[in-house]
Every structure is written in structure tokens, then in C-alpha cells.
Amino acid sequence: MRVVIAAPDQEDGQLLADELHDWLVDDVELHRTAKIRRVPRDAVGAMGVSDVIEVVVSQGIAALNLALAYASWRTTRPAPPGVTVTFAEGTITLTDDSPEALERVLAALRRSADDDGATA
């Protein structure tokens, strides 16, 4: 399953992508179960951002690890930035770090990972 994470183009948009990418790469559990890389926005058709983070996961546990690493990163931000998460099932934009918002992303990642596993 391919997941693309983009921070909107803003004053610190590039910095956000840098920080989030580094955070995800440094997460040992996620790094063991997923391929993480930065790609130019043109490569994925993202508008309004400089670079995006592409995460490829091949199993449900990796999707869970991604959601947990992302949630952990958001708690380190004084004002959690809005980001857009795109995957096969659709796109979700997060503007806060509420448990409900994070649960929506986790549920969507789980469904998408389950669908990938059913068709593989």
C-alpha cells in the first residue's frame, strides 16, 4: 500500500516535510516494515507543497506503525500543522491532533491495508 503525506505550502512547509520525514525514518518499528522516501510533488501530482513523503507498507502492522509514528510526531509540535494523507481509498486532511482525527486515519489505513491483503 502506498501512502503519500503532504504538508501544505506555507512559511515552514518544507521544514515540516523535513521534520516529519526524519521522524518517520528514525522510527525503528516503522523503518523495519515500510519504505520511506521524499519525492517531488510533481511525481505524485500533489498541489501546493514542495515535497511529499511517500511511505510504502506491505502489511497491516506497517500501517499501524505509520499511524503511531505520525501521531507521536504530531504531539511534538506546539501547534500541530495540517497535513494531507493520500492512499488508495482516498484522501484525509488532518487539521488537529484530536484522538478522533487520528482514529479516522488509522481506520482508513487499516481498511486500505486489509483490501491490499485481500487482493494480493
PDB file of N, CA and C in Angstrom:
ATOM      1  N   MET A   1       0.841  -1.168   0.000  1.00  0.00           N
ATOM      2  CA  MET A   1       0.000   0.000   0.000  1.00  0.00           C
ATOM      3  C   MET A   1       0.891   1.237   0.000  1.00  0.00           C
ATOM      4  N   ARG A   2       0.561   2.167  -0.860  1.00  0.00           N
ATOM      5  CA  ARG A   2       1.316   3.411  -0.973  1.00  0.00           C
ATOM      6  C   ARG A   2       0.544   4.523  -0.284  1.00  0.00           C
ATOM      7  N   VAL A   3       1.226   5.244   0.604  1.00  0.00           N
ATOM      8  CA  VAL A   3       0.645   6.360   1.337  1.00  0.00           C
ATOM      9  C   VAL A   3       1.499   7.589   1.047  1.00  0.00           C
ATOM     10  N   VAL A   4       0.847   8.701   0.719  1.00  0.00           N
ATOM     11  CA  VAL A   4       1.560   9.946   0.464  1.00  0.00           C
ATOM     12  C   VAL A   4       1.115  10.953   1.517  1.00  0.00           C
ATOM     13  N   ILE A   5       2.093  11.555   2.186  1.00  0.00           N
ATOM     14  CA  ILE A   5       1.810  12.555   3.218  1.00  0.00           C
ATOM     15  C   ILE A   5       2.365  13.887   2.747  1.00  0.00           C
ATOM     16  N   ALA A   6       1.510  14.919   2.739  1.00  0.00           N
ATOM     17  CA  ALA A   6       1.925  16.238   2.276  1.00  0.00           C
ATOM     18  C   ALA A   6       1.532  17.295   3.287  1.00  0.00           C
ATOM     19  N   ALA A   7       2.460  18.193   3.546  1.00  0.00           N
ATOM     20  CA  ALA A   7       2.163  19.373   4.356  1.00  0.00           C
ATOM     21  C   ALA A   7       1.908  20.520   3.385  1.00  0.00           C
ATOM     22  N   PRO A   8       0.898  21.344   3.637  1.00  0.00           N
ATOM     23  CA  PRO A   8       0.600  22.426   2.705  1.00  0.00           C
ATOM     24  C   PRO A   8       1.766  23.400   2.586  1.00  0.00           C
ATOM     25  N   ASP A   9       1.871  24.021   1.425  1.00  0.00           N
ATOM     26  CA  ASP A   9       2.910  25.010   1.209  1.00  0.00           C
ATOM     27  C   ASP A   9       2.622  26.198   2.105  1.00  0.00           C
ATOM     28  N   GLN A  10       3.479  26.431   3.046  1.00  0.00           N
ATOM     29  CA  GLN A  10       3.342  27.546   3.959  1.00  0.00           C
ATOM     30  C   GLN A  10       4.733  27.983   4.349  1.00  0.00           C
ATOM     31  N   GLU A  11       4.808  28.965   5.214  1.00  0.00           N
ATOM     32  CA  GLU A  11       6.105  29.511   5.570  1.00  0.00           C
ATOM     33  C   GLU A  11       7.099  28.431   5.969  1.00  0.00           C
ATOM     34  N   ASP A  12       6.657  27.474   6.777  1.00  0.00           N
ATOM     35  CA  ASP A  12       7.559  26.402   7.204  1.00  0.00           C
ATOM     36  C   ASP A  12       7.176  25.067   6.580  1.00  0.00           C
ATOM     37  N   GLY A  13       6.458  25.051   5.470  1.00  0.00           N
ATOM     38  CA  GLY A  13       6.005  23.815   4.839  1.00  0.00           C
ATOM     39  C   GLY A  13       7.134  22.862   4.532  1.00  0.00           C
ATOM     40  N   GLN A  14       8.226  23.372   3.977  1.00  0.00           N
ATOM     41  CA  GLN A  14       9.348  22.494   3.670  1.00  0.00           C
ATOM     42  C   GLN A  14       9.965  21.943   4.945  1.00  0.00           C
ATOM     43  N   LEU A  15      10.081  22.795   5.945  1.00  0.00           N
ATOM     44  CA  LEU A  15      10.619  22.349   7.225  1.00  0.00           C
ATOM     45  C   LEU A  15       9.750  21.240   7.811  1.00  0.00           C
ATOM     46  N   LEU A  16       8.432  21.369   7.706  1.00  0.00           N
ATOM     47  CA  LEU A  16       7.543  20.336   8.225  1.00  0.00           C
ATOM     48  C   LEU A  16       7.789  19.004   7.525  1.00  0.00           C
ATOM     49  N   ALA A  17       7.934  19.045   6.200  1.00  0.00           N
ATOM     50  CA  ALA A  17       8.201  17.811   5.461  1.00  0.00           C
ATOM     51  C   ALA A  17       9.532  17.214   5.881  1.00  0.00           C
ATOM     52  N   ASP A  18      10.546  18.060   6.060  1.00  0.00           N
ATOM     53  CA  ASP A  18      11.851  17.576   6.505  1.00  0.00           C
ATOM     54  C   ASP A  18      11.746  16.903   7.875  1.00  0.00           C
ATOM     55  N   GLU A  19      11.104  17.594   8.813  1.00  0.00           N
ATOM     56  CA  GLU A  19      10.992  17.069  10.174  1.00  0.00           C
ATOM     57  C   GLU A  19      10.204  15.768  10.212  1.00  0.00           C
ATOM     58  N   LEU A  20       9.073  15.741   9.520  1.00  0.00           N
ATOM     59  CA  LEU A  20       8.249  14.537   9.530  1.00  0.00           C
ATOM     60  C   LEU A  20       8.970  13.379   8.859  1.00  0.00           C
ATOM     61  N   HIS A  21       9.619  13.623   7.743  1.00  0.00           N
ATOM     62  CA  HIS A  21      10.374  12.568   7.065  1.00  0.00           C
ATOM     63  C   HIS A  21      11.433  11.995   7.997  1.00  0.00           C
ATOM     64  N   ASP A  22      12.222  12.863   8.608  1.00  0.00           N
ATOM     65  CA  ASP A  22      13.270  12.408   9.518  1.00  0.00           C
ATOM     66  C   ASP A  22      12.682  11.615  10.685  1.00  0.00           C
ATOM     67  N   TRP A  23      11.556  12.083  11.205  1.00  0.00           N
ATOM     68  CA  TRP A  23      10.904  11.399  12.325  1.00  0.00           C
ATOM     69  C   TRP A  23      10.492   9.990  11.918  1.00  0.00           C
ATOM     70  N   LEU A  24       9.872   9.870  10.745  1.00  0.00           N
ATOM     71  CA  LEU A  24       9.413   8.561  10.281  1.00  0.00           C
ATOM     72  C   LEU A  24      10.581   7.618  10.010  1.00  0.00           C
ATOM     73  N   VAL A  25      11.640   8.134   9.394  1.00  0.00           N
ATOM     74  CA  VAL A  25      12.818   7.299   9.107  1.00  0.00           C
ATOM     75  C   VAL A  25      13.474   6.830  10.400  1.00  0.00           C
ATOM     76  N   ASP A  26      13.466   7.695  11.424  1.00  0.00           N
ATOM     77  CA  ASP A  26      14.101   7.347  12.699  1.00  0.00           C
ATOM     78  C   ASP A  26      13.262   6.401  13.546  1.00  0.00           C
ATOM     79  N   ASP A  27      12.006   6.200  13.201  1.00  0.00           N
ATOM     80  CA  ASP A  27      11.154   5.291  13.955  1.00  0.00           C
ATOM     81  C   ASP A  27      11.539   3.850  13.590  1.00  0.00           C
ATOM     82  N   VAL A  28      12.148   3.152  14.520  1.00  0.00           N
ATOM     83  CA  VAL A  28      12.715   1.832  14.263  1.00  0.00           C
ATOM     84  C   VAL A  28      11.660   0.843  13.785  1.00  0.00           C
ATOM     85  N   GLU A  29      10.514   0.796  14.445  1.00  0.00           N
ATOM     86  CA  GLU A  29       9.471  -0.166  14.067  1.00  0.00           C
ATOM     87  C   GLU A  29       8.939   0.120  12.675  1.00  0.00           C
ATOM     88  N   LEU A  30       8.702   1.392  12.367  1.00  0.00           N
ATOM     89  CA  LEU A  30       8.197   1.740  11.045  1.00  0.00           C
ATOM     90  C   LEU A  30       9.249   1.464   9.981  1.00  0.00           C
ATOM     91  N   HIS A  31      10.472   1.834  10.258  1.00  0.00           N
ATOM     92  CA  HIS A  31      11.544   1.661   9.276  1.00  0.00           C
ATOM     93  C   HIS A  31      11.755   0.193   8.920  1.00  0.00           C
ATOM     94  N   ARG A  32      11.505  -0.707   9.873  1.00  0.00           N
ATOM     95  CA  ARG A  32      11.647  -2.146   9.609  1.00  0.00           C
ATOM     96  C   ARG A  32      10.560  -2.675   8.695  1.00  0.00           C
ATOM     97  N   THR A  33       9.394  -2.022   8.686  1.00  0.00           N
ATOM     98  CA  THR A  33       8.243  -2.579   7.982  1.00  0.00           C
ATOM     99  C   THR A  33       7.767  -1.750   6.787  1.00  0.00           C
ATOM    100  N   ALA A  34       8.462  -0.643   6.505  1.00  0.00           N
ATOM    101  CA  ALA A  34       7.995   0.236   5.426  1.00  0.00           C
ATOM    102  C   ALA A  34       9.174   0.871   4.702  1.00  0.00           C
ATOM    103  N   LYS A  35       8.929   1.274   3.469  1.00  0.00           N
ATOM    104  CA  LYS A  35       9.912   2.052   2.710  1.00  0.00           C
ATOM    105  C   LYS A  35       9.455   3.504   2.764  1.00  0.00           C
ATOM    106  N   ILE A  36      10.360   4.380   3.176  1.00  0.00           N
ATOM    107  CA  ILE A  36      10.026   5.787   3.369  1.00  0.00           C
ATOM    108  C   ILE A  36      10.966   6.624   2.520  1.00  0.00           C
ATOM    109  N   ARG A  37      10.393   7.538   1.732  1.00  0.00           N
ATOM    110  CA  ARG A  37      11.252   8.411   0.942  1.00  0.00           C
ATOM    111  C   ARG A  37      10.535   9.721   0.652  1.00  0.00           C
ATOM    112  N   ARG A  38      11.329  10.737   0.381  1.00  0.00           N
ATOM    113  CA  ARG A  38      10.786  12.029  -0.047  1.00  0.00           C
ATOM    114  C   ARG A  38      10.781  12.050  -1.553  1.00  0.00           C
ATOM    115  N   VAL A  39       9.720  12.563  -2.112  1.00  0.00           N
ATOM    116  CA  VAL A  39       9.618  12.666  -3.559  1.00  0.00           C
ATOM    117  C   VAL A  39       9.109  14.056  -3.920  1.00  0.00           C
ATOM    118  N   PRO A  40       9.479  14.555  -5.104  1.00  0.00           N
ATOM    119  CA  PRO A  40       8.955  15.846  -5.538  1.00  0.00           C
ATOM    120  C   PRO A  40       7.445  15.766  -5.724  1.00  0.00           C
ATOM    121  N   ARG A  41       6.770  16.843  -5.438  1.00  0.00           N
ATOM    122  CA  ARG A  41       5.305  16.832  -5.542  1.00  0.00           C
ATOM    123  C   ARG A  41       4.833  16.469  -6.941  1.00  0.00           C
ATOM    124  N   ASP A  42       5.610  16.843  -7.953  1.00  0.00           N
ATOM    125  CA  ASP A  42       5.216  16.536  -9.326  1.00  0.00           C
ATOM    126  C   ASP A  42       5.113  15.030  -9.557  1.00  0.00           C
ATOM    127  N   ALA A  43       5.902  14.259  -8.832  1.00  0.00           N
ATOM    128  CA  ALA A  43       5.922  12.805  -9.024  1.00  0.00           C
ATOM    129  C   ALA A  43       4.619  12.151  -8.586  1.00  0.00           C
ATOM    130  N   VAL A  44       3.877  12.806  -7.692  1.00  0.00           N
ATOM    131  CA  VAL A  44       2.631  12.227  -7.191  1.00  0.00           C
ATOM    132  C   VAL A  44       1.423  13.108  -7.474  1.00  0.00           C
ATOM    133  N   GLY A  45       1.640  14.222  -8.149  1.00  0.00           N
ATOM    134  CA  GLY A  45       0.521  15.092  -8.502  1.00  0.00           C
ATOM    135  C   GLY A  45      -0.016  15.915  -7.358  1.00  0.00           C
ATOM    136  N   ALA A  46       0.775  16.130  -6.305  1.00  0.00           N
ATOM    137  CA  ALA A  46       0.326  16.934  -5.167  1.00  0.00           C
ATOM    138  C   ALA A  46       0.452  18.418  -5.503  1.00  0.00           C
ATOM    139  N   MET A  47      -0.537  19.170  -5.130  1.00  0.00           N
ATOM    140  CA  MET A  47      -0.524  20.602  -5.389  1.00  0.00           C
ATOM    141  C   MET A  47      -0.234  21.351  -4.091  1.00  0.00           C
ATOM    142  N   GLY A  48       0.474  22.472  -4.219  1.00  0.00           N
ATOM    143  CA  GLY A  48       0.653  23.360  -3.080  1.00  0.00           C
ATOM    144  C   GLY A  48       1.676  22.923  -2.058  1.00  0.00           C
ATOM    145  N   VAL A  49       2.532  21.988  -2.393  1.00  0.00           N
ATOM    146  CA  VAL A  49       3.596  21.584  -1.475  1.00  0.00           C
ATOM    147  C   VAL A  49       4.877  21.430  -2.278  1.00  0.00           C
ATOM    148  N   SER A  50       6.005  21.527  -1.604  1.00  0.00           N
ATOM    149  CA  SER A  50       7.293  21.396  -2.281  1.00  0.00           C
ATOM    150  C   SER A  50       7.648  19.931  -2.490  1.00  0.00           C
ATOM    151  N   ASP A  51       7.680  19.174  -1.436  1.00  0.00           N
ATOM    152  CA  ASP A  51       7.972  17.747  -1.483  1.00  0.00           C
ATOM    153  C   ASP A  51       6.907  17.026  -0.670  1.00  0.00           C
ATOM    154  N   VAL A  52       6.762  15.759  -0.949  1.00  0.00           N
ATOM    155  CA  VAL A  52       5.859  14.933  -0.160  1.00  0.00           C
ATOM    156  C   VAL A  52       6.637  13.728   0.355  1.00  0.00           C
ATOM    157  N   ILE A  53       6.058  13.053   1.308  1.00  0.00           N
ATOM    158  CA  ILE A  53       6.667  11.848   1.861  1.00  0.00           C
ATOM    159  C   ILE A  53       5.851  10.668   1.370  1.00  0.00           C
ATOM    160  N   GLU A  54       6.537   9.733   0.748  1.00  0.00           N
ATOM    161  CA  GLU A  54       5.881   8.524   0.263  1.00  0.00           C
ATOM    162  C   GLU A  54       6.287   7.373   1.175  1.00  0.00           C
ATOM    163  N   VAL A  55       5.295   6.661   1.669  1.00  0.00           N
ATOM    164  CA  VAL A  55       5.541   5.513   2.535  1.00  0.00           C
ATOM    165  C   VAL A  55       4.869   4.314   1.879  1.00  0.00           C
ATOM    166  N   VAL A  56       5.630   3.265   1.667  1.00  0.00           N
ATOM    167  CA  VAL A  56       5.082   2.041   1.091  1.00  0.00           C
ATOM    168  C   VAL A  56       5.105   0.977   2.176  1.00  0.00           C
ATOM    169  N   VAL A  57       3.918   0.474   2.490  1.00  0.00           N
ATOM    170  CA  VAL A  57       3.788  -0.572   3.504  1.00  0.00           C
ATOM    171  C   VAL A  57       3.192  -1.806   2.843  1.00  0.00           C
ATOM    172  N   SER A  58       3.617  -2.967   3.297  1.00  0.00           N
ATOM    173  CA  SER A  58       3.153  -4.195   2.659  1.00  0.00           C
ATOM    174  C   SER A  58       2.315  -5.059   3.584  1.00  0.00           C
ATOM    175  N   GLN A  59       2.083  -4.602   4.793  1.00  0.00           N
ATOM    176  CA  GLN A  59       1.301  -5.405   5.724  1.00  0.00           C
ATOM    177  C   GLN A  59       0.576  -4.493   6.699  1.00  0.00           C
ATOM    178  N   GLY A  60      -0.466  -5.017   7.313  1.00  0.00           N
ATOM    179  CA  GLY A  60      -1.283  -4.238   8.239  1.00  0.00           C
ATOM    180  C   GLY A  60      -0.513  -3.663   9.400  1.00  0.00           C
ATOM    181  N   ILE A  61       0.452  -4.405   9.931  1.00  0.00           N
ATOM    182  CA  ILE A  61       1.218  -3.906  11.072  1.00  0.00           C
ATOM    183  C   ILE A  61       2.023  -2.675  10.688  1.00  0.00           C
ATOM    184  N   ALA A  62       2.486  -2.610   9.447  1.00  0.00           N
ATOM    185  CA  ALA A  62       3.228  -1.443   8.993  1.00  0.00           C
ATOM    186  C   ALA A  62       2.318  -0.221   8.935  1.00  0.00           C
ATOM    187  N   ALA A  63       1.066  -0.403   8.536  1.00  0.00           N
ATOM    188  CA  ALA A  63       0.112   0.706   8.529  1.00  0.00           C
ATOM    189  C   ALA A  63      -0.122   1.215   9.948  1.00  0.00           C
ATOM    190  N   LEU A  64      -0.224   0.308  10.890  1.00  0.00           N
ATOM    191  CA  LEU A  64      -0.371   0.690  12.288  1.00  0.00           C
ATOM    192  C   LEU A  64       0.875   1.434  12.766  1.00  0.00           C
ATOM    193  N   ASN A  65       2.053   0.927  12.417  1.00  0.00           N
ATOM    194  CA  ASN A  65       3.299   1.604  12.806  1.00  0.00           C
ATOM    195  C   ASN A  65       3.357   3.014  12.233  1.00  0.00           C
ATOM    196  N   LEU A  66       2.900   3.181  10.992  1.00  0.00           N
ATOM    197  CA  LEU A  66       2.881   4.509  10.374  1.00  0.00           C
ATOM    198  C   LEU A  66       1.956   5.441  11.142  1.00  0.00           C
ATOM    199  N   ALA A  67       0.762   4.977  11.460  1.00  0.00           N
ATOM    200  CA  ALA A  67      -0.184   5.806  12.198  1.00  0.00           C
ATOM    201  C   ALA A  67       0.366   6.196  13.569  1.00  0.00           C
ATOM    202  N   LEU A  68       1.000   5.254  14.251  1.00  0.00           N
ATOM    203  CA  LEU A  68       1.563   5.543  15.570  1.00  0.00           C
ATOM    204  C   LEU A  68       2.734   6.520  15.491  1.00  0.00           C
ATOM    205  N   ALA A  69       3.603   6.340  14.503  1.00  0.00           N
ATOM    206  CA  ALA A  69       4.742   7.250  14.342  1.00  0.00           C
ATOM    207  C   ALA A  69       4.253   8.657  14.012  1.00  0.00           C
ATOM    208  N   TYR A  70       3.254   8.752  13.146  1.00  0.00           N
ATOM    209  CA  TYR A  70       2.696  10.047  12.782  1.00  0.00           C
ATOM    210  C   TYR A  70       2.057  10.722  13.999  1.00  0.00           C
ATOM    211  N   ALA A  71       1.273   9.973  14.757  1.00  0.00           N
ATOM    212  CA  ALA A  71       0.632  10.531  15.954  1.00  0.00           C
ATOM    213  C   ALA A  71       1.674  11.014  16.947  1.00  0.00           C
ATOM    214  N   SER A  72       2.735  10.254  17.105  1.00  0.00           N
ATOM    215  CA  SER A  72       3.812  10.644  18.013  1.00  0.00           C
ATOM    216  C   SER A  72       4.472  11.940  17.555  1.00  0.00           C
ATOM    217  N   TRP A  73       4.725  12.063  16.249  1.00  0.00           N
ATOM    218  CA  TRP A  73       5.334  13.283  15.711  1.00  0.00           C
ATOM    219  C   TRP A  73       4.440  14.486  15.963  1.00  0.00           C
ATOM    220  N   ARG A  74       3.142  14.333  15.742  1.00  0.00           N
ATOM    221  CA  ARG A  74       2.227  15.464  15.926  1.00  0.00           C
ATOM    222  C   ARG A  74       2.252  15.988  17.351  1.00  0.00           C
ATOM    223  N   THR A  75       2.464  15.108  18.331  1.00  0.00           N
ATOM    224  CA  THR A  75       2.487  15.562  19.728  1.00  0.00           C
ATOM    225  C   THR A  75       3.717  16.401  20.035  1.00  0.00           C
ATOM    226  N   THR A  76       4.741  16.352  19.186  1.00  0.00           N
ATOM    227  CA  THR A  76       5.950  17.139  19.427  1.00  0.00           C
ATOM    228  C   THR A  76       5.837  18.551  18.884  1.00  0.00           C
ATOM    229  N   ARG A  77       4.796  18.847  18.143  1.00  0.00           N
ATOM    230  CA  ARG A  77       4.614  20.153  17.531  1.00  0.00           C
ATOM    231  C   ARG A  77       3.822  21.056  18.464  1.00  0.00           C
ATOM    232  N   PRO A  78       4.251  22.309  18.670  1.00  0.00           N
ATOM    233  CA  PRO A  78       3.492  23.213  19.547  1.00  0.00           C
ATOM    234  C   PRO A  78       2.078  23.478  19.016  1.00  0.00           C
ATOM    235  N   ALA A  79       1.951  23.618  17.708  1.00  0.00           N
ATOM    236  CA  ALA A  79       0.650  23.769  17.054  1.00  0.00           C
ATOM    237  C   ALA A  79       0.652  22.787  15.889  1.00  0.00           C
ATOM    238  N   PRO A  80       0.028  21.627  16.073  1.00  0.00           N
ATOM    239  CA  PRO A  80       0.081  20.610  15.025  1.00  0.00           C
ATOM    240  C   PRO A  80      -0.353  21.164  13.668  1.00  0.00           C
ATOM    241  N   PRO A  81       0.489  20.998  12.662  1.00  0.00           N
ATOM    242  CA  PRO A  81       0.165  21.518  11.330  1.00  0.00           C
ATOM    243  C   PRO A  81      -0.837  20.626  10.613  1.00  0.00           C
ATOM    244  N   GLY A  82      -1.539  21.199   9.692  1.00  0.00           N
ATOM    245  CA  GLY A  82      -2.438  20.403   8.871  1.00  0.00           C
ATOM    246  C   GLY A  82      -1.648  19.636   7.828  1.00  0.00           C
ATOM    247  N   VAL A  83      -1.980  18.396   7.627  1.00  0.00           N
ATOM    248  CA  VAL A  83      -1.340  17.578   6.593  1.00  0.00           C
ATOM    249  C   VAL A  83      -2.421  16.795   5.857  1.00  0.00           C
ATOM    250  N   THR A  84      -2.072  16.382   4.654  1.00  0.00           N
ATOM    251  CA  THR A  84      -2.975  15.578   3.844  1.00  0.00           C
ATOM    252  C   THR A  84      -2.367  14.198   3.659  1.00  0.00           C
ATOM    253  N   VAL A  85      -3.145  13.170   3.934  1.00  0.00           N
ATOM    254  CA  VAL A  85      -2.712  11.785   3.791  1.00  0.00           C
ATOM    255  C   VAL A  85      -3.529  11.180   2.661  1.00  0.00           C
ATOM    256  N   THR A  86      -2.829  10.695   1.624  1.00  0.00           N
ATOM    257  CA  THR A  86      -3.493  10.127   0.453  1.00  0.00           C
ATOM    258  C   THR A  86      -3.095   8.664   0.302  1.00  0.00           C
ATOM    259  N   PHE A  87      -4.060   7.820   0.021  1.00  0.00           N
ATOM    260  CA  PHE A  87      -3.824   6.396  -0.185  1.00  0.00           C
ATOM    261  C   PHE A  87      -4.887   5.903  -1.140  1.00  0.00           C
ATOM    262  N   ALA A  88      -4.880   4.627  -1.465  1.00  0.00           N
ATOM    263  CA  ALA A  88      -5.768   4.082  -2.492  1.00  0.00           C
ATOM    264  C   ALA A  88      -7.241   4.374  -2.221  1.00  0.00           C
ATOM    265  N   GLU A  89      -7.627   4.380  -0.981  1.00  0.00           N
ATOM    266  CA  GLU A  89      -9.033   4.578  -0.619  1.00  0.00           C
ATOM    267  C   GLU A  89      -9.486   6.030  -0.722  1.00  0.00           C
ATOM    268  N   GLY A  90      -8.544   6.972  -0.751  1.00  0.00           N
ATOM    269  CA  GLY A  90      -8.928   8.377  -0.815  1.00  0.00           C
ATOM    270  C   GLY A  90      -7.929   9.271  -0.111  1.00  0.00           C
ATOM    271  N   THR A  91      -8.400  10.431   0.307  1.00  0.00           N
ATOM    272  CA  THR A  91      -7.557  11.434   0.938  1.00  0.00           C
ATOM    273  C   THR A  91      -8.215  11.916   2.220  1.00  0.00           C
ATOM    274  N   ILE A  92      -7.406  12.089   3.249  1.00  0.00           N
ATOM    275  CA  ILE A  92      -7.874  12.645   4.520  1.00  0.00           C
ATOM    276  C   ILE A  92      -6.971  13.823   4.861  1.00  0.00           C
ATOM    277  N   THR A  93      -7.570  14.953   5.221  1.00  0.00           N
ATOM    278  CA  THR A  93      -6.804  16.107   5.664  1.00  0.00           C
ATOM    279  C   THR A  93      -6.979  16.234   7.173  1.00  0.00           C
ATOM    280  N   LEU A  94      -5.851  16.286   7.860  1.00  0.00           N
ATOM    281  CA  LEU A  94      -5.866  16.440   9.314  1.00  0.00           C
ATOM    282  C   LEU A  94      -5.503  17.878   9.655  1.00  0.00           C
ATOM    283  N   THR A  95      -6.342  18.505  10.455  1.00  0.00           N
ATOM    284  CA  THR A  95      -6.057  19.878  10.870  1.00  0.00           C
ATOM    285  C   THR A  95      -5.844  19.993  12.370  1.00  0.00           C
ATOM    286  N   ASP A  96      -6.020  18.906  13.078  1.00  0.00           N
ATOM    287  CA  ASP A  96      -5.778  18.914  14.518  1.00  0.00           C
ATOM    288  C   ASP A  96      -5.223  17.561  14.935  1.00  0.00           C
ATOM    289  N   ASP A  97      -4.904  17.448  16.205  1.00  0.00           N
ATOM    290  CA  ASP A  97      -4.356  16.181  16.681  1.00  0.00           C
ATOM    291  C   ASP A  97      -5.313  15.485  17.639  1.00  0.00           C
ATOM    292  N   SER A  98      -6.611  15.695  17.411  1.00  0.00           N
ATOM    293  CA  SER A  98      -7.600  15.062  18.280  1.00  0.00           C
ATOM    294  C   SER A  98      -7.550  13.546  18.100  1.00  0.00           C
ATOM    295  N   PRO A  99      -7.914  12.812  19.121  1.00  0.00           N
ATOM    296  CA  PRO A  99      -7.958  11.356  19.001  1.00  0.00           C
ATOM    297  C   PRO A  99      -8.903  10.900  17.877  1.00  0.00           C
ATOM    298  N   GLU A 100      -9.978  11.644  17.668  1.00  0.00           N
ATOM    299  CA  GLU A 100     -10.939  11.282  16.618  1.00  0.00           C
ATOM    300  C   GLU A 100     -10.296  11.392  15.234  1.00  0.00           C
ATOM    301  N   ALA A 101      -9.550  12.462  14.999  1.00  0.00           N
ATOM    302  CA  ALA A 101      -8.902  12.652  13.697  1.00  0.00           C
ATOM    303  C   ALA A 101      -7.871  11.559  13.451  1.00  0.00           C
ATOM    304  N   LEU A 102      -7.084  11.256  14.453  1.00  0.00           N
ATOM    305  CA  LEU A 102      -6.073  10.214  14.296  1.00  0.00           C
ATOM    306  C   LEU A 102      -6.716   8.844  14.122  1.00  0.00           C
ATOM    307  N   GLU A 103      -7.835   8.601  14.779  1.00  0.00           N
ATOM    308  CA  GLU A 103      -8.542   7.332  14.621  1.00  0.00           C
ATOM    309  C   GLU A 103      -9.100   7.193  13.209  1.00  0.00           C
ATOM    310  N   ARG A 104      -9.558   8.295  12.600  1.00  0.00           N
ATOM    311  CA  ARG A 104     -10.041   8.254  11.217  1.00  0.00           C
ATOM    312  C   ARG A 104      -8.939   7.796  10.275  1.00  0.00           C
ATOM    313  N   VAL A 105      -7.732   8.354  10.472  1.00  0.00           N
ATOM    314  CA  VAL A 105      -6.610   7.960   9.619  1.00  0.00           C
ATOM    315  C   VAL A 105      -6.246   6.503   9.860  1.00  0.00           C
ATOM    316  N   LEU A 106      -6.157   6.105  11.103  1.00  0.00           N
ATOM    317  CA  LEU A 106      -5.813   4.722  11.422  1.00  0.00           C
ATOM    318  C   LEU A 106      -6.839   3.758  10.835  1.00  0.00           C
ATOM    319  N   ALA A 107      -8.126   4.058  10.967  1.00  0.00           N
ATOM    320  CA  ALA A 107      -9.169   3.191  10.422  1.00  0.00           C
ATOM    321  C   ALA A 107      -9.058   3.106   8.899  1.00  0.00           C
ATOM    322  N   ALA A 108      -8.793   4.240   8.253  1.00  0.00           N
ATOM    323  CA  ALA A 108      -8.662   4.242   6.793  1.00  0.00           C
ATOM    324  C   ALA A 108      -7.438   3.442   6.357  1.00  0.00           C
ATOM    325  N   LEU A 109      -6.326   3.588   7.062  1.00  0.00           N
ATOM    326  CA  LEU A 109      -5.122   2.824   6.735  1.00  0.00           C
ATOM    327  C   LEU A 109      -5.361   1.330   6.937  1.00  0.00           C
ATOM    328  N   ARG A 110      -6.054   0.985   8.004  1.00  0.00           N
ATOM    329  CA  ARG A 110      -6.362  -0.433   8.248  1.00  0.00           C
ATOM    330  C   ARG A 110      -7.206  -1.011   7.115  1.00  0.00           C
ATOM    331  N   ARG A 111      -8.258  -0.281   6.723  1.00  0.00           N
ATOM    332  CA  ARG A 111      -9.130  -0.754   5.637  1.00  0.00           C
ATOM    333  C   ARG A 111      -8.340  -0.920   4.349  1.00  0.00           C
ATOM    334  N   SER A 112      -7.513   0.069   4.053  1.00  0.00           N
ATOM    335  CA  SER A 112      -6.732   0.022   2.825  1.00  0.00           C
ATOM    336  C   SER A 112      -5.736  -1.136   2.866  1.00  0.00           C
ATOM    337  N   ALA A 113      -5.083  -1.347   4.002  1.00  0.00           N
ATOM    338  CA  ALA A 113      -4.132  -2.461   4.137  1.00  0.00           C
ATOM    339  C   ALA A 113      -4.865  -3.786   4.033  1.00  0.00           C
ATOM    340  N   ASP A 114      -6.055  -3.898   4.624  1.00  0.00           N
ATOM    341  CA  ASP A 114      -6.837  -5.134   4.543  1.00  0.00           C
ATOM    342  C   ASP A 114      -7.247  -5.402   3.100  1.00  0.00           C
ATOM    343  N   ASP A 115      -7.656  -4.348   2.383  1.00  0.00           N
ATOM    344  CA  ASP A 115      -8.040  -4.505   0.977  1.00  0.00           C
ATOM    345  C   ASP A 115      -6.858  -4.958   0.137  1.00  0.00           C
ATOM    346  N   ASP A 116      -5.673  -4.374   0.397  1.00  0.00           N
ATOM    347  CA  ASP A 116      -4.468  -4.779  -0.326  1.00  0.00           C
ATOM    348  C   ASP A 116      -4.153  -6.244  -0.060  1.00  0.00           C
ATOM    349  N   GLY A 117      -4.313  -6.659   1.190  1.00  0.00           N
ATOM    350  CA  GLY A 117      -4.018  -8.046   1.546  1.00  0.00           C
ATOM    351  C   GLY A 117      -5.002  -9.009   0.923  1.00  0.00           C
ATOM    352  N   ALA A 118      -6.249  -8.576   0.748  1.00  0.00           N
ATOM    353  CA  ALA A 118      -7.257  -9.450   0.160  1.00  0.00           C
ATOM    354  C   ALA A 118      -7.053  -9.640  -1.329  1.00  0.00           C
ATOM    355  N   THR A 119      -6.453  -8.609  -1.973  1.00  0.00           N
ATOM    356  CA  THR A 119      -6.258  -8.706  -3.421  1.00  0.00           C
ATOM    357  C   THR A 119      -4.880  -9.205  -3.798  1.00  0.00           C
ATOM    358  N   ALA A 120      -3.986  -9.320  -2.835  1.00  0.00           N
ATOM    359  CA  ALA A 120      -2.612  -9.739  -3.137  1.00  0.00           C
ATOM    360  C   ALA A 120      -2.516 -11.238  -3.271  1.00  0.00           C
TER     361      ALA A 120
END
